[in-house]
Amino acid sequence: MSKVISKIWPILKNKYYLTVIILFVWLAFFDGNNFYGIYKLKKNLHHLEQERNFYIQETAKVNIEKQELFNSQKSLEKFARERYFMKHDDEDIYIFETLKKLEE
């Protein structure tokens, strides 16, 4: 043990090495951009990139559905009848709803 200390002690006595060691410790643990903070920011960036890719894909799907919907009058009428329960004057609409089972 004393051999290790005898080898390290001259390095610690040198003010330049000591300054570099203190600076490294300060930057690694106490600075605002420490290692843990950088890790959290990279993790958050990865999560945001995944969300961005998800929303890009969803936007593409919605645009394709929109093009299909407004391409023909028949598809627009089908959408209006299914989604908003629209009908012609001489028609009757019956809506069947399923009851959700009560969780006990």
PDB file of N, CA and C in Angstrom:
ATOM      1  N   MET A   1       0.819  -1.192   0.000  1.00  0.00           N
ATOM      2  CA  MET A   1       0.000   0.000   0.000  1.00  0.00           C
ATOM      3  C   MET A   1       0.858   1.249   0.000  1.00  0.00           C
ATOM      4  N   SER A   2       1.918   1.211   0.755  1.00  0.00           N
ATOM      5  CA  SER A   2       2.782   2.385   0.837  1.00  0.00           C
ATOM      6  C   SER A   2       3.505   2.635  -0.483  1.00  0.00           C
ATOM      7  N   LYS A   3       3.711   1.556  -1.301  1.00  0.00           N
ATOM      8  CA  LYS A   3       4.358   1.738  -2.604  1.00  0.00           C
ATOM      9  C   LYS A   3       3.442   2.535  -3.536  1.00  0.00           C
ATOM     10  N   VAL A   4       2.140   2.220  -3.470  1.00  0.00           N
ATOM     11  CA  VAL A   4       1.170   2.916  -4.312  1.00  0.00           C
ATOM     12  C   VAL A   4       1.092   4.383  -3.911  1.00  0.00           C
ATOM     13  N   ILE A   5       1.022   4.624  -2.619  1.00  0.00           N
ATOM     14  CA  ILE A   5       0.944   6.005  -2.132  1.00  0.00           C
ATOM     15  C   ILE A   5       2.221   6.757  -2.464  1.00  0.00           C
ATOM     16  N   SER A   6       3.362   6.085  -2.372  1.00  0.00           N
ATOM     17  CA  SER A   6       4.623   6.759  -2.678  1.00  0.00           C
ATOM     18  C   SER A   6       4.727   7.106  -4.162  1.00  0.00           C
ATOM     19  N   LYS A   7       4.034   6.347  -5.030  1.00  0.00           N
ATOM     20  CA  LYS A   7       4.040   6.667  -6.459  1.00  0.00           C
ATOM     21  C   LYS A   7       3.024   7.757  -6.799  1.00  0.00           C
ATOM     22  N   ILE A   8       1.904   7.797  -6.092  1.00  0.00           N
ATOM     23  CA  ILE A   8       0.851   8.773  -6.375  1.00  0.00           C
ATOM     24  C   ILE A   8       1.172  10.125  -5.738  1.00  0.00           C
ATOM     25  N   TRP A   9       1.835  10.145  -4.614  1.00  0.00           N
ATOM     26  CA  TRP A   9       2.054  11.386  -3.876  1.00  0.00           C
ATOM     27  C   TRP A   9       2.795  12.446  -4.688  1.00  0.00           C
ATOM     28  N   PRO A  10       3.851  12.133  -5.427  1.00  0.00           N
ATOM     29  CA  PRO A  10       4.503  13.185  -6.225  1.00  0.00           C
ATOM     30  C   PRO A  10       3.584  13.768  -7.304  1.00  0.00           C
ATOM     31  N   ILE A  11       2.680  12.912  -7.838  1.00  0.00           N
ATOM     32  CA  ILE A  11       1.741  13.409  -8.844  1.00  0.00           C
ATOM     33  C   ILE A  11       0.769  14.396  -8.202  1.00  0.00           C
ATOM     34  N   LEU A  12       0.279  14.081  -7.013  1.00  0.00           N
ATOM     35  CA  LEU A  12      -0.662  14.969  -6.332  1.00  0.00           C
ATOM     36  C   LEU A  12       0.006  16.247  -5.844  1.00  0.00           C
ATOM     37  N   LYS A  13       1.292  16.216  -5.603  1.00  0.00           N
ATOM     38  CA  LYS A  13       2.004  17.419  -5.169  1.00  0.00           C
ATOM     39  C   LYS A  13       2.181  18.401  -6.321  1.00  0.00           C
ATOM     40  N   ASN A  14       2.177  17.895  -7.549  1.00  0.00           N
ATOM     41  CA  ASN A  14       2.324  18.766  -8.707  1.00  0.00           C
ATOM     42  C   ASN A  14       1.012  19.530  -8.895  1.00  0.00           C
ATOM     43  N   LYS A  15       1.098  20.854  -8.922  1.00  0.00           N
ATOM     44  CA  LYS A  15      -0.122  21.667  -8.970  1.00  0.00           C
ATOM     45  C   LYS A  15      -0.883  21.530 -10.293  1.00  0.00           C
ATOM     46  N   TYR A  16      -0.196  21.224 -11.372  1.00  0.00           N
ATOM     47  CA  TYR A  16      -0.870  21.087 -12.657  1.00  0.00           C
ATOM     48  C   TYR A  16      -1.707  19.799 -12.708  1.00  0.00           C
ATOM     49  N   TYR A  17      -1.123  18.697 -12.253  1.00  0.00           N
ATOM     50  CA  TYR A  17      -1.880  17.449 -12.194  1.00  0.00           C
ATOM     51  C   TYR A  17      -3.060  17.562 -11.235  1.00  0.00           C
ATOM     52  N   LEU A  18      -2.820  18.188 -10.109  1.00  0.00           N
ATOM     53  CA  LEU A  18      -3.886  18.367  -9.120  1.00  0.00           C
ATOM     54  C   LEU A  18      -5.019  19.219  -9.686  1.00  0.00           C
ATOM     55  N   THR A  19      -4.658  20.264 -10.432  1.00  0.00           N
ATOM     56  CA  THR A  19      -5.672  21.121 -11.051  1.00  0.00           C
ATOM     57  C   THR A  19      -6.486  20.346 -12.086  1.00  0.00           C
ATOM     58  N   VAL A  20      -5.823  19.535 -12.880  1.00  0.00           N
ATOM     59  CA  VAL A  20      -6.530  18.739 -13.893  1.00  0.00           C
ATOM     60  C   VAL A  20      -7.464  17.731 -13.221  1.00  0.00           C
ATOM     61  N   ILE A  21      -7.030  17.086 -12.149  1.00  0.00           N
ATOM     62  CA  ILE A  21      -7.854  16.119 -11.445  1.00  0.00           C
ATOM     63  C   ILE A  21      -9.078  16.804 -10.830  1.00  0.00           C
ATOM     64  N   ILE A  22      -8.876  17.959 -10.196  1.00  0.00           N
ATOM     65  CA  ILE A  22      -9.989  18.695  -9.593  1.00  0.00           C
ATOM     66  C   ILE A  22     -10.962  19.157 -10.679  1.00  0.00           C
ATOM     67  N   LEU A  23     -10.439  19.641 -11.798  1.00  0.00           N
ATOM     68  CA  LEU A  23     -11.296  20.085 -12.903  1.00  0.00           C
ATOM     69  C   LEU A  23     -12.126  18.916 -13.447  1.00  0.00           C
ATOM     70  N   PHE A  24     -11.487  17.761 -13.608  1.00  0.00           N
ATOM     71  CA  PHE A  24     -12.217  16.592 -14.100  1.00  0.00           C
ATOM     72  C   PHE A  24     -13.327  16.179 -13.138  1.00  0.00           C
ATOM     73  N   VAL A  25     -13.022  16.155 -11.855  1.00  0.00           N
ATOM     74  CA  VAL A  25     -14.032  15.784 -10.858  1.00  0.00           C
ATOM     75  C   VAL A  25     -15.172  16.796 -10.873  1.00  0.00           C
ATOM     76  N   TRP A  26     -14.856  18.066 -10.978  1.00  0.00           N
ATOM     77  CA  TRP A  26     -15.886  19.103 -11.005  1.00  0.00           C
ATOM     78  C   TRP A  26     -16.795  18.935 -12.228  1.00  0.00           C
ATOM     79  N   LEU A  27     -16.190  18.749 -13.398  1.00  0.00           N
ATOM     80  CA  LEU A  27     -16.977  18.602 -14.621  1.00  0.00           C
ATOM     81  C   LEU A  27     -17.774  17.303 -14.639  1.00  0.00           C
ATOM     82  N   ALA A  28     -17.240  16.265 -14.034  1.00  0.00           N
ATOM     83  CA  ALA A  28     -17.901  14.968 -14.070  1.00  0.00           C
ATOM     84  C   ALA A  28     -19.107  14.903 -13.152  1.00  0.00           C
ATOM     85  N   PHE A  29     -19.068  15.585 -12.020  1.00  0.00           N
ATOM     86  CA  PHE A  29     -20.117  15.381 -11.026  1.00  0.00           C
ATOM     87  C   PHE A  29     -20.891  16.638 -10.625  1.00  0.00           C
ATOM     88  N   PHE A  30     -20.271  17.795 -10.642  1.00  0.00           N
ATOM     89  CA  PHE A  30     -20.907  18.977 -10.074  1.00  0.00           C
ATOM     90  C   PHE A  30     -21.369  20.002 -11.109  1.00  0.00           C
ATOM     91  N   ASP A  31     -20.872  19.955 -12.300  1.00  0.00           N
ATOM     92  CA  ASP A  31     -21.224  20.934 -13.322  1.00  0.00           C
ATOM     93  C   ASP A  31     -22.649  20.680 -13.831  1.00  0.00           C
ATOM     94  N   GLY A  32     -23.247  21.671 -14.452  1.00  0.00           N
ATOM     95  CA  GLY A  32     -24.591  21.524 -15.002  1.00  0.00           C
ATOM     96  C   GLY A  32     -24.653  20.522 -16.143  1.00  0.00           C
ATOM     97  N   ASN A  33     -23.547  20.318 -16.836  1.00  0.00           N
ATOM     98  CA  ASN A  33     -23.485  19.346 -17.942  1.00  0.00           C
ATOM     99  C   ASN A  33     -22.706  18.111 -17.518  1.00  0.00           C
ATOM    100  N   ASN A  34     -23.050  17.562 -16.375  1.00  0.00           N
ATOM    101  CA  ASN A  34     -22.336  16.390 -15.881  1.00  0.00           C
ATOM    102  C   ASN A  34     -22.746  15.146 -16.652  1.00  0.00           C
ATOM    103  N   PHE A  35     -22.098  14.026 -16.344  1.00  0.00           N
ATOM    104  CA  PHE A  35     -22.337  12.793 -17.094  1.00  0.00           C
ATOM    105  C   PHE A  35     -23.783  12.324 -16.970  1.00  0.00           C
ATOM    106  N   TYR A  36     -24.354  12.397 -15.796  1.00  0.00           N
ATOM    107  CA  TYR A  36     -25.733  11.950 -15.600  1.00  0.00           C
ATOM    108  C   TYR A  36     -26.710  12.849 -16.361  1.00  0.00           C
ATOM    109  N   GLY A  37     -26.458  14.149 -16.348  1.00  0.00           N
ATOM    110  CA  GLY A  37     -27.326  15.067 -17.087  1.00  0.00           C
ATOM    111  C   GLY A  37     -27.273  14.816 -18.583  1.00  0.00           C
ATOM    112  N   ILE A  38     -26.091  14.553 -19.095  1.00  0.00           N
ATOM    113  CA  ILE A  38     -25.949  14.254 -20.524  1.00  0.00           C
ATOM    114  C   ILE A  38     -26.656  12.948 -20.864  1.00  0.00           C
ATOM    115  N   TYR A  39     -26.553  11.946 -19.974  1.00  0.00           N
ATOM    116  CA  TYR A  39     -27.239  10.675 -20.193  1.00  0.00           C
ATOM    117  C   TYR A  39     -28.749  10.879 -20.249  1.00  0.00           C
ATOM    118  N   LYS A  40     -29.301  11.671 -19.309  1.00  0.00           N
ATOM    119  CA  LYS A  40     -30.749  11.919 -19.309  1.00  0.00           C
ATOM    120  C   LYS A  40     -31.179  12.654 -20.573  1.00  0.00           C
ATOM    121  N   LEU A  41     -30.380  13.626 -21.016  1.00  0.00           N
ATOM    122  CA  LEU A  41     -30.734  14.374 -22.219  1.00  0.00           C
ATOM    123  C   LEU A  41     -30.705  13.477 -23.463  1.00  0.00           C
ATOM    124  N   LYS A  42     -29.725  12.590 -23.551  1.00  0.00           N
ATOM    125  CA  LYS A  42     -29.675  11.675 -24.699  1.00  0.00           C
ATOM    126  C   LYS A  42     -30.854  10.712 -24.683  1.00  0.00           C
ATOM    127  N   LYS A  43     -31.230  10.247 -23.494  1.00  0.00           N
ATOM    128  CA  LYS A  43     -32.377   9.353 -23.370  1.00  0.00           C
ATOM    129  C   LYS A  43     -33.658  10.077 -23.784  1.00  0.00           C
ATOM    130  N   ASN A  44     -33.809  11.325 -23.359  1.00  0.00           N
ATOM    131  CA  ASN A  44     -34.977  12.127 -23.722  1.00  0.00           C
ATOM    132  C   ASN A  44     -34.989  12.393 -25.227  1.00  0.00           C
ATOM    133  N   LEU A  45     -33.823  12.668 -25.811  1.00  0.00           N
ATOM    134  CA  LEU A  45     -33.733  12.893 -27.253  1.00  0.00           C
ATOM    135  C   LEU A  45     -34.164  11.652 -28.023  1.00  0.00           C
ATOM    136  N   HIS A  46     -33.736  10.490 -27.581  1.00  0.00           N
ATOM    137  CA  HIS A  46     -34.120   9.238 -28.237  1.00  0.00           C
ATOM    138  C   HIS A  46     -35.633   9.041 -28.166  1.00  0.00           C
ATOM    139  N   HIS A  47     -36.216   9.323 -27.009  1.00  0.00           N
ATOM    140  CA  HIS A  47     -37.666   9.192 -26.843  1.00  0.00           C
ATOM    141  C   HIS A  47     -38.404  10.165 -27.772  1.00  0.00           C
ATOM    142  N   LEU A  48     -37.931  11.398 -27.852  1.00  0.00           N
ATOM    143  CA  LEU A  48     -38.577  12.391 -28.714  1.00  0.00           C
ATOM    144  C   LEU A  48     -38.441  12.026 -30.192  1.00  0.00           C
ATOM    145  N   GLU A  49     -37.316  11.453 -30.573  1.00  0.00           N
ATOM    146  CA  GLU A  49     -37.161  11.020 -31.963  1.00  0.00           C
ATOM    147  C   GLU A  49     -38.124   9.883 -32.296  1.00  0.00           C
ATOM    148  N   GLN A  50     -38.342   8.977 -31.347  1.00  0.00           N
ATOM    149  CA  GLN A  50     -39.317   7.906 -31.564  1.00  0.00           C
ATOM    150  C   GLN A  50     -40.724   8.483 -31.711  1.00  0.00           C
ATOM    151  N   GLU A  51     -41.073   9.451 -30.874  1.00  0.00           N
ATOM    152  CA  GLU A  51     -42.392  10.091 -30.988  1.00  0.00           C
ATOM    153  C   GLU A  51     -42.536  10.799 -32.325  1.00  0.00           C
ATOM    154  N   ARG A  52     -41.484  11.488 -32.753  1.00  0.00           N
ATOM    155  CA  ARG A  52     -41.519  12.206 -34.020  1.00  0.00           C
ATOM    156  C   ARG A  52     -41.755  11.235 -35.174  1.00  0.00           C
ATOM    157  N   ASN A  53     -41.045  10.108 -35.179  1.00  0.00           N
ATOM    158  CA  ASN A  53     -41.231   9.110 -36.232  1.00  0.00           C
ATOM    159  C   ASN A  53     -42.643   8.539 -36.203  1.00  0.00           C
ATOM    160  N   PHE A  54     -43.181   8.306 -35.004  1.00  0.00           N
ATOM    161  CA  PHE A  54     -44.549   7.802 -34.886  1.00  0.00           C
ATOM    162  C   PHE A  54     -45.541   8.793 -35.493  1.00  0.00           C
ATOM    163  N   TYR A  55     -45.393  10.067 -35.162  1.00  0.00           N
ATOM    164  CA  TYR A  55     -46.332  11.063 -35.676  1.00  0.00           C
ATOM    165  C   TYR A  55     -46.165  11.286 -37.175  1.00  0.00           C
ATOM    166  N   ILE A  56     -44.973  11.135 -37.689  1.00  0.00           N
ATOM    167  CA  ILE A  56     -44.782  11.233 -39.144  1.00  0.00           C
ATOM    168  C   ILE A  56     -45.528  10.098 -39.839  1.00  0.00           C
ATOM    169  N   GLN A  57     -45.426   8.879 -39.282  1.00  0.00           N
ATOM    170  CA  GLN A  57     -46.135   7.741 -39.868  1.00  0.00           C
ATOM    171  C   GLN A  57     -47.645   7.922 -39.767  1.00  0.00           C
ATOM    172  N   GLU A  58     -48.121   8.399 -38.623  1.00  0.00           N
ATOM    173  CA  GLU A  58     -49.562   8.606 -38.462  1.00  0.00           C
ATOM    174  C   GLU A  58     -50.067   9.693 -39.417  1.00  0.00           C
ATOM    175  N   THR A  59     -49.290  10.737 -39.610  1.00  0.00           N
ATOM    176  CA  THR A  59     -49.682  11.799 -40.536  1.00  0.00           C
ATOM    177  C   THR A  59     -49.773  11.262 -41.958  1.00  0.00           C
ATOM    178  N   ALA A  60     -48.831  10.410 -42.333  1.00  0.00           N
ATOM    179  CA  ALA A  60     -48.872   9.810 -43.673  1.00  0.00           C
ATOM    180  C   ALA A  60     -50.121   8.947 -43.834  1.00  0.00           C
ATOM    181  N   LYS A  61     -50.459   8.165 -42.800  1.00  0.00           N
ATOM    182  CA  LYS A  61     -51.669   7.333 -42.865  1.00  0.00           C
ATOM    183  C   LYS A  61     -52.921   8.198 -43.015  1.00  0.00           C
ATOM    184  N   VAL A  62     -53.002   9.277 -42.251  1.00  0.00           N
ATOM    185  CA  VAL A  62     -54.178  10.150 -42.309  1.00  0.00           C
ATOM    186  C   VAL A  62     -54.276  10.814 -43.675  1.00  0.00           C
ATOM    187  N   ASN A  63     -53.144  11.216 -44.239  1.00  0.00           N
ATOM    188  CA  ASN A  63     -53.175  11.832 -45.568  1.00  0.00           C
ATOM    189  C   ASN A  63     -53.648  10.851 -46.627  1.00  0.00           C
ATOM    190  N   ILE A  64     -53.236   9.588 -46.523  1.00  0.00           N
ATOM    191  CA  ILE A  64     -53.703   8.573 -47.472  1.00  0.00           C
ATOM    192  C   ILE A  64     -55.206   8.362 -47.317  1.00  0.00           C
ATOM    193  N   GLU A  65     -55.683   8.277 -46.077  1.00  0.00           N
ATOM    194  CA  GLU A  65     -57.124   8.122 -45.853  1.00  0.00           C
ATOM    195  C   GLU A  65     -57.894   9.324 -46.381  1.00  0.00           C
ATOM    196  N   LYS A  66     -57.339  10.512 -46.209  1.00  0.00           N
ATOM    197  CA  LYS A  66     -58.000  11.725 -46.687  1.00  0.00           C
ATOM    198  C   LYS A  66     -58.101  11.715 -48.210  1.00  0.00           C
ATOM    199  N   GLN A  67     -57.027  11.294 -48.872  1.00  0.00           N
ATOM    200  CA  GLN A  67     -57.071  11.230 -50.332  1.00  0.00           C
ATOM    201  C   GLN A  67     -58.093  10.211 -50.808  1.00  0.00           C
ATOM    202  N   GLU A  68     -58.164   9.067 -50.149  1.00  0.00           N
ATOM    203  CA  GLU A  68     -59.151   8.059 -50.514  1.00  0.00           C
ATOM    204  C   GLU A  68     -60.569   8.551 -50.259  1.00  0.00           C
ATOM    205  N   LEU A  69     -60.742   9.290 -49.192  1.00  0.00           N
ATOM    206  CA  LEU A  69     -62.071   9.772 -48.823  1.00  0.00           C
ATOM    207  C   LEU A  69     -62.592  10.796 -49.817  1.00  0.00           C
ATOM    208  N   PHE A  70     -61.771  11.749 -50.182  1.00  0.00           N
ATOM    209  CA  PHE A  70     -62.237  12.826 -51.051  1.00  0.00           C
ATOM    210  C   PHE A  70     -62.053  12.525 -52.534  1.00  0.00           C
ATOM    211  N   ASN A  71     -61.636  11.303 -52.861  1.00  0.00           N
ATOM    212  CA  ASN A  71     -61.487  10.936 -54.258  1.00  0.00           C
ATOM    213  C   ASN A  71     -62.828  10.745 -54.947  1.00  0.00           C
ATOM    214  N   SER A  72     -63.770  10.136 -54.267  1.00  0.00           N
ATOM    215  CA  SER A  72     -65.049   9.876 -54.920  1.00  0.00           C
ATOM    216  C   SER A  72     -66.198  10.269 -53.990  1.00  0.00           C
ATOM    217  N   GLN A  73     -67.311  10.546 -54.602  1.00  0.00           N
ATOM    218  CA  GLN A  73     -68.504  10.922 -53.850  1.00  0.00           C
ATOM    219  C   GLN A  73     -69.042   9.745 -53.047  1.00  0.00           C
ATOM    220  N   LYS A  74     -68.862   8.535 -53.580  1.00  0.00           N
ATOM    221  CA  LYS A  74     -69.369   7.350 -52.910  1.00  0.00           C
ATOM    222  C   LYS A  74     -68.642   7.111 -51.579  1.00  0.00           C
ATOM    223  N   SER A  75     -67.333   7.259 -51.573  1.00  0.00           N
ATOM    224  CA  SER A  75     -66.578   7.052 -50.334  1.00  0.00           C
ATOM    225  C   SER A  75     -66.874   8.157 -49.324  1.00  0.00           C
ATOM    226  N   LEU A  76     -67.108   9.375 -49.802  1.00  0.00           N
ATOM    227  CA  LEU A  76     -67.456  10.478 -48.900  1.00  0.00           C
ATOM    228  C   LEU A  76     -68.827  10.235 -48.263  1.00  0.00           C
ATOM    229  N   GLU A  77     -69.771   9.735 -49.042  1.00  0.00           N
ATOM    230  CA  GLU A  77     -71.095   9.433 -48.506  1.00  0.00           C
ATOM    231  C   GLU A  77     -71.024   8.284 -47.490  1.00  0.00           C
ATOM    232  N   LYS A  78     -70.228   7.275 -47.778  1.00  0.00           N
ATOM    233  CA  LYS A  78     -70.068   6.155 -46.851  1.00  0.00           C
ATOM    234  C   LYS A  78     -69.481   6.636 -45.521  1.00  0.00           C
ATOM    235  N   PHE A  79     -68.489   7.498 -45.592  1.00  0.00           N
ATOM    236  CA  PHE A  79     -67.869   8.048 -44.380  1.00  0.00           C
ATOM    237  C   PHE A  79     -68.881   8.851 -43.565  1.00  0.00           C
ATOM    238  N   ALA A  80     -69.653   9.689 -44.235  1.00  0.00           N
ATOM    239  CA  ALA A  80     -70.637  10.516 -43.533  1.00  0.00           C
ATOM    240  C   ALA A  80     -71.724   9.657 -42.897  1.00  0.00           C
ATOM    241  N   ARG A  81     -72.138   8.610 -43.562  1.00  0.00           N
ATOM    242  CA  ARG A  81     -73.173   7.734 -43.006  1.00  0.00           C
ATOM    243  C   ARG A  81     -72.656   6.956 -41.804  1.00  0.00           C
ATOM    244  N   GLU A  82     -71.418   6.460 -41.877  1.00  0.00           N
ATOM    245  CA  GLU A  82     -70.879   5.660 -40.780  1.00  0.00           C
ATOM    246  C   GLU A  82     -70.479   6.507 -39.579  1.00  0.00           C
ATOM    247  N   ARG A  83     -69.844   7.609 -39.838  1.00  0.00           N
ATOM    248  CA  ARG A  83     -69.289   8.398 -38.737  1.00  0.00           C
ATOM    249  C   ARG A  83     -70.335   9.322 -38.109  1.00  0.00           C
ATOM    250  N   TYR A  84     -71.115   9.998 -38.917  1.00  0.00           N
ATOM    251  CA  TYR A  84     -72.026  11.017 -38.397  1.00  0.00           C
ATOM    252  C   TYR A  84     -73.497  10.616 -38.490  1.00  0.00           C
ATOM    253  N   PHE A  85     -73.763   9.379 -38.857  1.00  0.00           N
ATOM    254  CA  PHE A  85     -75.114   8.828 -38.925  1.00  0.00           C
ATOM    255  C   PHE A  85     -76.033   9.681 -39.801  1.00  0.00           C
ATOM    256  N   MET A  86     -75.531  10.160 -40.905  1.00  0.00           N
ATOM    257  CA  MET A  86     -76.343  10.934 -41.837  1.00  0.00           C
ATOM    258  C   MET A  86     -77.200   9.973 -42.659  1.00  0.00           C
ATOM    259  N   LYS A  87     -78.333  10.499 -43.140  1.00  0.00           N
ATOM    260  CA  LYS A  87     -79.255   9.635 -43.866  1.00  0.00           C
ATOM    261  C   LYS A  87     -79.984  10.456 -44.916  1.00  0.00           C
ATOM    262  N   HIS A  88     -80.621   9.725 -45.813  1.00  0.00           N
ATOM    263  CA  HIS A  88     -81.505  10.367 -46.785  1.00  0.00           C
ATOM    264  C   HIS A  88     -82.842  10.636 -46.105  1.00  0.00           C
ATOM    265  N   ASP A  89     -83.676  11.452 -46.760  1.00  0.00           N
ATOM    266  CA  ASP A  89     -84.951  11.828 -46.161  1.00  0.00           C
ATOM    267  C   ASP A  89     -85.894  10.640 -45.966  1.00  0.00           C
ATOM    268  N   ASP A  90     -85.826   9.671 -46.829  1.00  0.00           N
ATOM    269  CA  ASP A  90     -86.769   8.558 -46.745  1.00  0.00           C
ATOM    270  C   ASP A  90     -86.192   7.341 -46.020  1.00  0.00           C
ATOM    271  N   GLU A  91     -85.139   7.502 -45.251  1.00  0.00           N
ATOM    272  CA  GLU A  91     -84.517   6.384 -44.557  1.00  0.00           C
ATOM    273  C   GLU A  91     -84.680   6.513 -43.042  1.00  0.00           C
ATOM    274  N   ASP A  92     -84.615   5.376 -42.377  1.00  0.00           N
ATOM    275  CA  ASP A  92     -84.583   5.337 -40.919  1.00  0.00           C
ATOM    276  C   ASP A  92     -83.259   4.710 -40.501  1.00  0.00           C
ATOM    277  N   ILE A  93     -82.702   5.206 -39.407  1.00  0.00           N
ATOM    278  CA  ILE A  93     -81.425   4.671 -38.917  1.00  0.00           C
ATOM    279  C   ILE A  93     -81.652   4.040 -37.559  1.00  0.00           C
ATOM    280  N   TYR A  94     -81.145   2.836 -37.403  1.00  0.00           N
ATOM    281  CA  TYR A  94     -81.178   2.146 -36.119  1.00  0.00           C
ATOM    282  C   TYR A  94     -79.736   1.964 -35.654  1.00  0.00           C
ATOM    283  N   ILE A  95     -79.462   2.412 -34.450  1.00  0.00           N
ATOM    284  CA  ILE A  95     -78.110   2.322 -33.894  1.00  0.00           C
ATOM    285  C   ILE A  95     -78.133   1.313 -32.761  1.00  0.00           C
ATOM    286  N   PHE A  96     -77.278   0.311 -32.875  1.00  0.00           N
ATOM    287  CA  PHE A  96     -77.158  -0.705 -31.835  1.00  0.00           C
ATOM    288  C   PHE A  96     -75.854  -0.475 -31.090  1.00  0.00           C
ATOM    289  N   GLU A  97     -75.979  -0.306 -29.798  1.00  0.00           N
ATOM    290  CA  GLU A  97     -74.797  -0.113 -28.967  1.00  0.00           C
ATOM    291  C   GLU A  97     -74.633  -1.338 -28.081  1.00  0.00           C
ATOM    292  N   THR A  98     -73.405  -1.747 -27.879  1.00  0.00           N
ATOM    293  CA  THR A  98     -73.141  -2.878 -26.994  1.00  0.00           C
ATOM    294  C   THR A  98     -72.837  -2.347 -25.614  1.00  0.00           C
ATOM    295  N   LEU A  99     -73.352  -3.036 -24.599  1.00  0.00           N
ATOM    296  CA  LEU A  99     -73.114  -2.628 -23.221  1.00  0.00           C
ATOM    297  C   LEU A  99     -71.783  -3.197 -22.748  1.00  0.00           C
ATOM    298  N   LYS A 100     -71.038  -2.380 -22.048  1.00  0.00           N
ATOM    299  CA  LYS A 100     -69.776  -2.854 -21.483  1.00  0.00           C
ATOM    300  C   LYS A 100     -70.069  -3.617 -20.202  1.00  0.00           C
ATOM    301  N   LYS A 101     -69.355  -4.703 -20.014  1.00  0.00           N
ATOM    302  CA  LYS A 101     -69.539  -5.488 -18.807  1.00  0.00           C
ATOM    303  C   LYS A 101     -68.967  -4.732 -17.613  1.00  0.00           C
ATOM    304  N   LEU A 102     -69.695  -4.724 -16.546  1.00  0.00           N
ATOM    305  CA  LEU A 102     -69.224  -4.066 -15.338  1.00  0.00           C
ATOM    306  C   LEU A 102     -68.152  -4.918 -14.690  1.00  0.00           C
ATOM    307  N   GLU A 103     -67.043  -4.289 -14.374  1.00  0.00           N
ATOM    308  CA  GLU A 103     -65.956  -5.012 -13.705  1.00  0.00           C
ATOM    309  C   GLU A 103     -66.234  -5.039 -12.205  1.00  0.00           C
ATOM    310  N   GLU A 104     -66.155  -6.200 -11.653  1.00  0.00           N
ATOM    311  CA  GLU A 104     -66.437  -6.352 -10.223  1.00  0.00           C
ATOM    312  C   GLU A 104     -65.180  -6.628  -9.444  1.00  0.00           C
TER     313      GLU A 104
END
